[in-house]
């Protein structure tokens, strides 16, 4: 009987873990980092310049290296830049040199 309980408990734990991972992946796909839209103290995590490493520590509003998660596709509507936009700008700058 103990073996049956152990197997059932293990199966439930594995299924719960798989569902949680799947849910987190879906949430991550539905959002994107949007740079240049965060108000002072409203950033979601570390900035690109490395002057801080946590949420809510931005000192200026709309800083180009500060970001906030937004629904995928909404960044351009908010006049922000996605990570892809930033990479394209950097690539263009390097090609100009």
PDB file of N, CA and C in Angstrom:
ATOM      1  N   UNK A   1       0.814  -1.190   0.000  1.00  0.00           N
ATOM      2  CA  UNK A   1       0.000   0.000   0.000  1.00  0.00           C
ATOM      3  C   UNK A   1       0.861   1.259   0.000  1.00  0.00           C
ATOM      4  N   UNK A   2       1.968   1.231   0.767  1.00  0.00           N
ATOM      5  CA  UNK A   2       2.833   2.409   0.823  1.00  0.00           C
ATOM      6  C   UNK A   2       3.454   2.697  -0.545  1.00  0.00           C
ATOM      7  N   UNK A   3       3.790   1.640  -1.271  1.00  0.00           N
ATOM      8  CA  UNK A   3       4.400   1.818  -2.588  1.00  0.00           C
ATOM      9  C   UNK A   3       3.401   2.476  -3.545  1.00  0.00           C
ATOM     10  N   UNK A   4       2.158   2.088  -3.482  1.00  0.00           N
ATOM     11  CA  UNK A   4       1.121   2.659  -4.335  1.00  0.00           C
ATOM     12  C   UNK A   4       0.933   4.149  -4.025  1.00  0.00           C
ATOM     13  N   UNK A   5       0.939   4.508  -2.758  1.00  0.00           N
ATOM     14  CA  UNK A   5       0.815   5.905  -2.341  1.00  0.00           C
ATOM     15  C   UNK A   5       2.010   6.713  -2.823  1.00  0.00           C
ATOM     16  N   UNK A   6       3.192   6.145  -2.697  1.00  0.00           N
ATOM     17  CA  UNK A   6       4.412   6.813  -3.137  1.00  0.00           C
ATOM     18  C   UNK A   6       4.364   7.087  -4.639  1.00  0.00           C
ATOM     19  N   UNK A   7       3.953   6.103  -5.410  1.00  0.00           N
ATOM     20  CA  UNK A   7       3.881   6.247  -6.868  1.00  0.00           C
ATOM     21  C   UNK A   7       2.839   7.306  -7.241  1.00  0.00           C
ATOM     22  N   UNK A   8       1.701   7.283  -6.601  1.00  0.00           N
ATOM     23  CA  UNK A   8       0.652   8.263  -6.885  1.00  0.00           C
ATOM     24  C   UNK A   8       1.114   9.678  -6.543  1.00  0.00           C
ATOM     25  N   UNK A   9       1.758   9.826  -5.396  1.00  0.00           N
ATOM     26  CA  UNK A   9       2.256  11.137  -4.973  1.00  0.00           C
ATOM     27  C   UNK A   9       3.312  11.650  -5.938  1.00  0.00           C
ATOM     28  N   UNK A  10       4.203  10.787  -6.358  1.00  0.00           N
ATOM     29  CA  UNK A  10       5.261  11.159  -7.307  1.00  0.00           C
ATOM     30  C   UNK A  10       4.657  11.584  -8.645  1.00  0.00           C
ATOM     31  N   UNK A  11       3.664  10.851  -9.112  1.00  0.00           N
ATOM     32  CA  UNK A  11       3.014  11.182 -10.382  1.00  0.00           C
ATOM     33  C   UNK A  11       2.333  12.545 -10.311  1.00  0.00           C
ATOM     34  N   UNK A  12       1.648  12.809  -9.222  1.00  0.00           N
ATOM     35  CA  UNK A  12       0.980  14.105  -9.043  1.00  0.00           C
ATOM     36  C   UNK A  12       2.010  15.233  -9.015  1.00  0.00           C
ATOM     37  N   UNK A  13       3.114  15.031  -8.324  1.00  0.00           N
ATOM     38  CA  UNK A  13       4.164  16.054  -8.246  1.00  0.00           C
ATOM     39  C   UNK A  13       4.755  16.338  -9.627  1.00  0.00           C
ATOM     40  N   UNK A  14       5.004  15.292 -10.397  1.00  0.00           N
ATOM     41  CA  UNK A  14       5.558  15.473 -11.744  1.00  0.00           C
ATOM     42  C   UNK A  14       4.585  16.215 -12.652  1.00  0.00           C
ATOM     43  N   UNK A  15       3.335  15.846 -12.609  1.00  0.00           N
ATOM     44  CA  UNK A  15       2.332  16.521 -13.436  1.00  0.00           C
ATOM     45  C   UNK A  15       2.176  17.987 -13.044  1.00  0.00           C
ATOM     46  N   UNK A  16       2.180  18.246 -11.757  1.00  0.00           N
ATOM     47  CA  UNK A  16       2.080  19.629 -11.280  1.00  0.00           C
ATOM     48  C   UNK A  16       3.270  20.443 -11.770  1.00  0.00           C
ATOM     49  N   UNK A  17       4.468  19.879 -11.690  1.00  0.00           N
ATOM     50  CA  UNK A  17       5.672  20.563 -12.165  1.00  0.00           C
ATOM     51  C   UNK A  17       5.615  20.848 -13.651  1.00  0.00           C
ATOM     52  N   UNK A  18       5.163  19.880 -14.424  1.00  0.00           N
ATOM     53  CA  UNK A  18       5.051  20.069 -15.871  1.00  0.00           C
ATOM     54  C   UNK A  18       4.044  21.158 -16.219  1.00  0.00           C
ATOM     55  N   UNK A  19       2.911  21.157 -15.550  1.00  0.00           N
ATOM     56  CA  UNK A  19       1.894  22.183 -15.810  1.00  0.00           C
ATOM     57  C   UNK A  19       2.390  23.573 -15.424  1.00  0.00           C
ATOM     58  N   UNK A  20       3.099  23.680 -14.317  1.00  0.00           N
ATOM     59  CA  UNK A  20       3.637  24.975 -13.890  1.00  0.00           C
ATOM     60  C   UNK A  20       4.660  25.492 -14.892  1.00  0.00           C
ATOM     61  N   UNK A  21       5.531  24.615 -15.371  1.00  0.00           N
ATOM     62  CA  UNK A  21       6.546  25.005 -16.357  1.00  0.00           C
ATOM     63  C   UNK A  21       5.891  25.457 -17.648  1.00  0.00           C
ATOM     64  N   UNK A  22       4.877  24.730 -18.077  1.00  0.00           N
ATOM     65  CA  UNK A  22       4.167  25.079 -19.298  1.00  0.00           C
ATOM     66  C   UNK A  22       3.478  26.429 -19.160  1.00  0.00           C
ATOM     67  N   UNK A  23       2.900  26.694 -18.010  1.00  0.00           N
ATOM     68  CA  UNK A  23       2.222  27.958 -17.753  1.00  0.00           C
ATOM     69  C   UNK A  23       3.213  29.117 -17.761  1.00  0.00           C
ATOM     70  N   UNK A  24       4.385  28.937 -17.141  1.00  0.00           N
ATOM     71  CA  UNK A  24       5.394  29.998 -17.117  1.00  0.00           C
ATOM     72  C   UNK A  24       5.903  30.279 -18.512  1.00  0.00           C
ATOM     73  N   UNK A  25       6.077  29.241 -19.330  1.00  0.00           N
ATOM     74  CA  UNK A  25       6.540  29.428 -20.696  1.00  0.00           C
ATOM     75  C   UNK A  25       5.506  30.215 -21.494  1.00  0.00           C
ATOM     76  N   UNK A  26       4.243  29.911 -21.317  1.00  0.00           N
ATOM     77  CA  UNK A  26       3.188  30.642 -22.028  1.00  0.00           C
ATOM     78  C   UNK A  26       3.171  32.105 -21.613  1.00  0.00           C
ATOM     79  N   UNK A  27       3.347  32.391 -20.321  1.00  0.00           N
ATOM     80  CA  UNK A  27       3.386  33.774 -19.852  1.00  0.00           C
ATOM     81  C   UNK A  27       4.584  34.509 -20.425  1.00  0.00           C
ATOM     82  N   UNK A  28       5.738  33.860 -20.475  1.00  0.00           N
ATOM     83  CA  UNK A  28       6.944  34.504 -21.000  1.00  0.00           C
ATOM     84  C   UNK A  28       6.774  34.823 -22.481  1.00  0.00           C
ATOM     85  N   UNK A  29       6.088  33.963 -23.217  1.00  0.00           N
ATOM     86  CA  UNK A  29       5.887  34.197 -24.640  1.00  0.00           C
ATOM     87  C   UNK A  29       4.887  35.318 -24.890  1.00  0.00           C
ATOM     88  N   UNK A  30       4.013  35.566 -23.964  1.00  0.00           N
ATOM     89  CA  UNK A  30       2.983  36.572 -24.154  1.00  0.00           C
ATOM     90  C   UNK A  30       3.482  37.980 -23.826  1.00  0.00           C
ATOM     91  N   UNK A  31       4.678  38.095 -23.264  1.00  0.00           N
ATOM     92  CA  UNK A  31       5.213  39.401 -22.878  1.00  0.00           C
ATOM     93  C   UNK A  31       6.587  39.617 -23.488  1.00  0.00           C
ATOM     94  N   UNK A  32       6.993  40.873 -23.551  1.00  0.00           N
ATOM     95  CA  UNK A  32       8.330  41.204 -24.033  1.00  0.00           C
ATOM     96  C   UNK A  32       8.866  42.391 -23.248  1.00  0.00           C
ATOM     97  N   UNK A  33      10.185  42.508 -23.205  1.00  0.00           N
ATOM     98  CA  UNK A  33      10.812  43.649 -22.550  1.00  0.00           C
ATOM     99  C   UNK A  33      10.658  44.855 -23.459  1.00  0.00           C
ATOM    100  N   UNK A  34      10.249  45.968 -22.864  1.00  0.00           N
ATOM    101  CA  UNK A  34      10.082  47.205 -23.622  1.00  0.00           C
ATOM    102  C   UNK A  34      10.944  48.275 -22.954  1.00  0.00           C
ATOM    103  N   UNK A  35      11.930  48.784 -23.677  1.00  0.00           N
ATOM    104  CA  UNK A  35      12.882  49.757 -23.152  1.00  0.00           C
ATOM    105  C   UNK A  35      12.402  51.172 -23.402  1.00  0.00           C
ATOM    106  N   UNK A  36      12.660  52.053 -22.439  1.00  0.00           N
ATOM    107  CA  UNK A  36      12.370  53.470 -22.616  1.00  0.00           C
ATOM    108  C   UNK A  36      10.974  53.893 -22.218  1.00  0.00           C
ATOM    109  N   UNK A  37      10.216  53.037 -21.544  1.00  0.00           N
ATOM    110  CA  UNK A  37       8.846  53.402 -21.169  1.00  0.00           C
ATOM    111  C   UNK A  37       8.616  53.426 -19.663  1.00  0.00           C
ATOM    112  N   UNK A  38       9.574  52.924 -18.897  1.00  0.00           N
ATOM    113  CA  UNK A  38       9.379  52.800 -17.447  1.00  0.00           C
ATOM    114  C   UNK A  38       9.532  54.149 -16.754  1.00  0.00           C
ATOM    115  N   UNK A  39       8.578  54.474 -15.896  1.00  0.00           N
ATOM    116  CA  UNK A  39       8.670  55.672 -15.069  1.00  0.00           C
ATOM    117  C   UNK A  39       9.699  55.419 -13.968  1.00  0.00           C
ATOM    118  N   UNK A  40      10.238  56.466 -13.397  1.00  0.00           N
ATOM    119  CA  UNK A  40      11.219  56.326 -12.318  1.00  0.00           C
ATOM    120  C   UNK A  40      10.643  55.441 -11.216  1.00  0.00           C
ATOM    121  N   UNK A  41      11.407  54.434 -10.822  1.00  0.00           N
ATOM    122  CA  UNK A  41      10.987  53.516  -9.779  1.00  0.00           C
ATOM    123  C   UNK A  41       9.998  52.461 -10.230  1.00  0.00           C
ATOM    124  N   UNK A  42       9.697  52.397 -11.528  1.00  0.00           N
ATOM    125  CA  UNK A  42       8.709  51.441 -12.028  1.00  0.00           C
ATOM    126  C   UNK A  42       9.299  50.410 -12.993  1.00  0.00           C
ATOM    127  N   UNK A  43      10.626  50.302 -13.055  1.00  0.00           N
ATOM    128  CA  UNK A  43      11.252  49.318 -13.938  1.00  0.00           C
ATOM    129  C   UNK A  43      11.030  47.900 -13.406  1.00  0.00           C
ATOM    130  N   UNK A  44      11.136  46.911 -14.287  1.00  0.00           N
ATOM    131  CA  UNK A  44      10.886  45.529 -13.876  1.00  0.00           C
ATOM    132  C   UNK A  44      12.126  44.771 -13.416  1.00  0.00           C
ATOM    133  N   UNK A  45      13.314  45.190 -13.794  1.00  0.00           N
ATOM    134  CA  UNK A  45      14.522  44.503 -13.317  1.00  0.00           C
ATOM    135  C   UNK A  45      15.762  45.336 -13.671  1.00  0.00           C
ATOM    136  N   UNK A  46      16.919  44.705 -13.649  1.00  0.00           N
ATOM    137  CA  UNK A  46      18.193  45.394 -13.871  1.00  0.00           C
ATOM    138  C   UNK A  46      18.212  46.157 -15.195  1.00  0.00           C
ATOM    139  N   UNK A  47      18.947  47.261 -15.219  1.00  0.00           N
ATOM    140  CA  UNK A  47      19.053  48.026 -16.465  1.00  0.00           C
ATOM    141  C   UNK A  47      20.257  47.564 -17.278  1.00  0.00           C
ATOM    142  N   UNK A  48      20.351  48.021 -18.505  1.00  0.00           N
ATOM    143  CA  UNK A  48      21.431  47.600 -19.392  1.00  0.00           C
ATOM    144  C   UNK A  48      22.787  48.144 -18.982  1.00  0.00           C
ATOM    145  N   UNK A  49      22.806  49.350 -18.413  1.00  0.00           N
ATOM    146  CA  UNK A  49      24.087  49.959 -18.064  1.00  0.00           C
ATOM    147  C   UNK A  49      24.706  49.366 -16.804  1.00  0.00           C
ATOM    148  N   UNK A  50      23.920  48.604 -16.038  1.00  0.00           N
ATOM    149  CA  UNK A  50      24.459  47.941 -14.850  1.00  0.00           C
ATOM    150  C   UNK A  50      24.554  48.816 -13.617  1.00  0.00           C
ATOM    151  N   UNK A  51      23.867  49.948 -13.596  1.00  0.00           N
ATOM    152  CA  UNK A  51      23.937  50.816 -12.417  1.00  0.00           C
ATOM    153  C   UNK A  51      23.052  50.329 -11.278  1.00  0.00           C
ATOM    154  N   UNK A  52      22.130  49.413 -11.582  1.00  0.00           N
ATOM    155  CA  UNK A  52      21.344  48.755 -10.529  1.00  0.00           C
ATOM    156  C   UNK A  52      20.930  47.376 -11.030  1.00  0.00           C
ATOM    157  N   UNK A  53      20.546  46.522 -10.110  1.00  0.00           N
ATOM    158  CA  UNK A  53      20.232  45.144 -10.491  1.00  0.00           C
ATOM    159  C   UNK A  53      18.858  44.676 -10.026  1.00  0.00           C
ATOM    160  N   UNK A  54      17.986  45.612  -9.689  1.00  0.00           N
ATOM    161  CA  UNK A  54      16.688  45.185  -9.166  1.00  0.00           C
ATOM    162  C   UNK A  54      15.527  46.014  -9.681  1.00  0.00           C
ATOM    163  N   UNK A  55      14.354  45.450  -9.475  1.00  0.00           N
ATOM    164  CA  UNK A  55      13.087  46.094  -9.825  1.00  0.00           C
ATOM    165  C   UNK A  55      12.875  47.345  -8.986  1.00  0.00           C
ATOM    166  N   UNK A  56      12.327  48.374  -9.615  1.00  0.00           N
ATOM    167  CA  UNK A  56      11.958  49.588  -8.893  1.00  0.00           C
ATOM    168  C   UNK A  56      13.100  50.505  -8.526  1.00  0.00           C
ATOM    169  N   UNK A  57      14.287  50.316  -9.101  1.00  0.00           N
ATOM    170  CA  UNK A  57      15.437  51.140  -8.724  1.00  0.00           C
ATOM    171  C   UNK A  57      15.823  52.183  -9.762  1.00  0.00           C
ATOM    172  N   UNK A  58      15.048  52.338 -10.827  1.00  0.00           N
ATOM    173  CA  UNK A  58      15.403  53.352 -11.823  1.00  0.00           C
ATOM    174  C   UNK A  58      15.237  54.743 -11.218  1.00  0.00           C
ATOM    175  N   UNK A  59      16.137  55.626 -11.557  1.00  0.00           N
ATOM    176  CA  UNK A  59      16.128  56.990 -11.011  1.00  0.00           C
ATOM    177  C   UNK A  59      15.468  57.990 -11.947  1.00  0.00           C
ATOM    178  N   UNK A  60      15.388  57.656 -13.242  1.00  0.00           N
ATOM    179  CA  UNK A  60      14.807  58.572 -14.224  1.00  0.00           C
ATOM    180  C   UNK A  60      13.642  57.907 -14.950  1.00  0.00           C
ATOM    181  N   UNK A  61      12.731  58.713 -15.412  1.00  0.00           N
ATOM    182  CA  UNK A  61      11.622  58.197 -16.210  1.00  0.00           C
ATOM    183  C   UNK A  61      12.038  58.086 -17.662  1.00  0.00           C
ATOM    184  N   UNK A  62      11.555  57.069 -18.304  1.00  0.00           N
ATOM    185  CA  UNK A  62      11.765  56.813 -19.731  1.00  0.00           C
ATOM    186  C   UNK A  62      13.236  56.663 -20.108  1.00  0.00           C
ATOM    187  N   UNK A  63      14.056  56.162 -19.204  1.00  0.00           N
ATOM    188  CA  UNK A  63      15.470  55.919 -19.490  1.00  0.00           C
ATOM    189  C   UNK A  63      15.611  54.852 -20.566  1.00  0.00           C
ATOM    190  N   UNK A  64      16.475  55.079 -21.525  1.00  0.00           N
ATOM    191  CA  UNK A  64      16.631  54.166 -22.658  1.00  0.00           C
ATOM    192  C   UNK A  64      17.131  52.783 -22.237  1.00  0.00           C
ATOM    193  N   UNK A  65      17.811  52.681 -21.098  1.00  0.00           N
ATOM    194  CA  UNK A  65      18.320  51.372 -20.665  1.00  0.00           C
ATOM    195  C   UNK A  65      17.440  50.717 -19.599  1.00  0.00           C
ATOM    196  N   UNK A  66      16.323  51.349 -19.252  1.00  0.00           N
ATOM    197  CA  UNK A  66      15.371  50.782 -18.291  1.00  0.00           C
ATOM    198  C   UNK A  66      14.246  50.105 -19.062  1.00  0.00           C
ATOM    199  N   UNK A  67      13.734  49.010 -18.529  1.00  0.00           N
ATOM    200  CA  UNK A  67      12.680  48.287 -19.236  1.00  0.00           C
ATOM    201  C   UNK A  67      11.568  47.838 -18.317  1.00  0.00           C
ATOM    202  N   UNK A  68      10.474  47.481 -18.971  1.00  0.00           N
ATOM    203  CA  UNK A  68       9.280  46.999 -18.287  1.00  0.00           C
ATOM    204  C   UNK A  68       8.659  45.933 -19.189  1.00  0.00           C
ATOM    205  N   UNK A  69       8.095  44.864 -18.597  1.00  0.00           N
ATOM    206  CA  UNK A  69       7.393  43.865 -19.393  1.00  0.00           C
ATOM    207  C   UNK A  69       6.055  44.428 -19.869  1.00  0.00           C
ATOM    208  N   UNK A  70       5.751  44.208 -21.134  1.00  0.00           N
ATOM    209  CA  UNK A  70       4.468  44.594 -21.712  1.00  0.00           C
ATOM    210  C   UNK A  70       3.956  43.428 -22.562  1.00  0.00           C
ATOM    211  N   UNK A  71       2.693  43.460 -22.905  1.00  0.00           N
ATOM    212  CA  UNK A  71       2.121  42.434 -23.782  1.00  0.00           C
ATOM    213  C   UNK A  71       2.846  42.462 -25.123  1.00  0.00           C
ATOM    214  N   UNK A  72       3.121  41.292 -25.664  1.00  0.00           N
ATOM    215  CA  UNK A  72       3.849  41.192 -26.923  1.00  0.00           C
ATOM    216  C   UNK A  72       3.144  41.998 -28.000  1.00  0.00           C
ATOM    217  N   UNK A  73       3.898  42.847 -28.680  1.00  0.00           N
ATOM    218  CA  UNK A  73       3.362  43.682 -29.744  1.00  0.00           C
ATOM    219  C   UNK A  73       2.925  45.070 -29.302  1.00  0.00           C
ATOM    220  N   UNK A  74       2.885  45.329 -27.999  1.00  0.00           N
ATOM    221  CA  UNK A  74       2.423  46.627 -27.491  1.00  0.00           C
ATOM    222  C   UNK A  74       3.546  47.655 -27.349  1.00  0.00           C
ATOM    223  N   UNK A  75       4.780  47.223 -27.354  1.00  0.00           N
ATOM    224  CA  UNK A  75       5.907  48.128 -27.101  1.00  0.00           C
ATOM    225  C   UNK A  75       5.951  49.277 -28.109  1.00  0.00           C
ATOM    226  N   UNK A  76       5.804  48.968 -29.371  1.00  0.00           N
ATOM    227  CA  UNK A  76       5.857  50.010 -30.405  1.00  0.00           C
ATOM    228  C   UNK A  76       4.724  51.020 -30.220  1.00  0.00           C
ATOM    229  N   UNK A  77       3.540  50.549 -29.807  1.00  0.00           N
ATOM    230  CA  UNK A  77       2.412  51.456 -29.560  1.00  0.00           C
ATOM    231  C   UNK A  77       2.721  52.415 -28.414  1.00  0.00           C
ATOM    232  N   UNK A  78       3.584  51.993 -27.490  1.00  0.00           N
ATOM    233  CA  UNK A  78       3.931  52.812 -26.324  1.00  0.00           C
ATOM    234  C   UNK A  78       5.168  53.665 -26.602  1.00  0.00           C
ATOM    235  N   UNK A  79       5.633  53.640 -27.836  1.00  0.00           N
ATOM    236  CA  UNK A  79       6.816  54.403 -28.263  1.00  0.00           C
ATOM    237  C   UNK A  79       8.102  53.912 -27.585  1.00  0.00           C
ATOM    238  N   UNK A  80       8.138  52.610 -27.302  1.00  0.00           N
ATOM    239  CA  UNK A  80       9.317  52.009 -26.694  1.00  0.00           C
ATOM    240  C   UNK A  80      10.102  51.208 -27.709  1.00  0.00           C
ATOM    241  N   UNK A  81      11.151  50.548 -27.227  1.00  0.00           N
ATOM    242  CA  UNK A  81      11.989  49.726 -28.091  1.00  0.00           C
ATOM    243  C   UNK A  81      12.106  48.326 -27.500  1.00  0.00           C
ATOM    244  N   UNK A  82      11.941  47.321 -28.335  1.00  0.00           N
ATOM    245  CA  UNK A  82      12.121  45.946 -27.901  1.00  0.00           C
ATOM    246  C   UNK A  82      13.611  45.610 -27.941  1.00  0.00           C
ATOM    247  N   UNK A  83      13.966  44.467 -27.391  1.00  0.00           N
ATOM    248  CA  UNK A  83      15.360  44.023 -27.426  1.00  0.00           C
ATOM    249  C   UNK A  83      15.820  43.862 -28.878  1.00  0.00           C
ATOM    250  N   UNK A  84      14.932  43.383 -29.739  1.00  0.00           N
ATOM    251  CA  UNK A  84      15.269  43.224 -31.155  1.00  0.00           C
ATOM    252  C   UNK A  84      15.546  44.581 -31.806  1.00  0.00           C
ATOM    253  N   UNK A  85      14.738  45.587 -31.473  1.00  0.00           N
ATOM    254  CA  UNK A  85      14.952  46.943 -31.997  1.00  0.00           C
ATOM    255  C   UNK A  85      16.322  47.457 -31.573  1.00  0.00           C
ATOM    256  N   UNK A  86      16.658  47.241 -30.308  1.00  0.00           N
ATOM    257  CA  UNK A  86      17.942  47.716 -29.787  1.00  0.00           C
ATOM    258  C   UNK A  86      19.096  47.026 -30.499  1.00  0.00           C
ATOM    259  N   UNK A  87      18.956  45.723 -30.744  1.00  0.00           N
ATOM    260  CA  UNK A  87      20.021  44.988 -31.432  1.00  0.00           C
ATOM    261  C   UNK A  87      20.185  45.484 -32.863  1.00  0.00           C
ATOM    262  N   UNK A  88      19.074  45.783 -33.517  1.00  0.00           N
ATOM    263  CA  UNK A  88      19.141  46.295 -34.885  1.00  0.00           C
ATOM    264  C   UNK A  88      19.826  47.659 -34.919  1.00  0.00           C
ATOM    265  N   UNK A  89      19.514  48.509 -33.944  1.00  0.00           N
ATOM    266  CA  UNK A  89      20.159  49.833 -33.872  1.00  0.00           C
ATOM    267  C   UNK A  89      21.654  49.670 -33.675  1.00  0.00           C
ATOM    268  N   UNK A  90      22.053  48.779 -32.789  1.00  0.00           N
ATOM    269  CA  UNK A  90      23.465  48.554 -32.491  1.00  0.00           C
ATOM    270  C   UNK A  90      24.176  48.028 -33.744  1.00  0.00           C
ATOM    271  N   UNK A  91      23.518  47.117 -34.450  1.00  0.00           N
ATOM    272  CA  UNK A  91      24.079  46.562 -35.673  1.00  0.00           C
ATOM    273  C   UNK A  91      24.257  47.649 -36.732  1.00  0.00           C
ATOM    274  N   UNK A  92      23.242  48.527 -36.877  1.00  0.00           N
ATOM    275  CA  UNK A  92      23.319  49.632 -37.833  1.00  0.00           C
ATOM    276  C   UNK A  92      24.448  50.587 -37.473  1.00  0.00           C
ATOM    277  N   UNK A  93      24.609  50.886 -36.180  1.00  0.00           N
ATOM    278  CA  UNK A  93      25.678  51.776 -35.717  1.00  0.00           C
ATOM    279  C   UNK A  93      27.041  51.188 -36.037  1.00  0.00           C
ATOM    280  N   UNK A  94      27.198  49.885 -35.865  1.00  0.00           N
ATOM    281  CA  UNK A  94      28.474  49.239 -36.128  1.00  0.00           C
ATOM    282  C   UNK A  94      28.795  49.243 -37.612  1.00  0.00           C
ATOM    283  N   UNK A  95      27.761  49.114 -38.439  1.00  0.00           N
ATOM    284  CA  UNK A  95      27.982  49.098 -39.889  1.00  0.00           C
ATOM    285  C   UNK A  95      28.366  50.483 -40.406  1.00  0.00           C
ATOM    286  N   UNK A  96      27.917  51.538 -39.727  1.00  0.00           N
ATOM    287  CA  UNK A  96      28.228  52.903 -40.139  1.00  0.00           C
ATOM    288  C   UNK A  96      29.687  53.256 -39.875  1.00  0.00           C
ATOM    289  N   UNK A  97      30.304  52.565 -38.920  1.00  0.00           N
ATOM    290  CA  UNK A  97      31.698  52.893 -38.539  1.00  0.00           C
ATOM    291  C   UNK A  97      32.686  52.386 -39.502  1.00  0.00           C
TER     292      UNK A  97
END
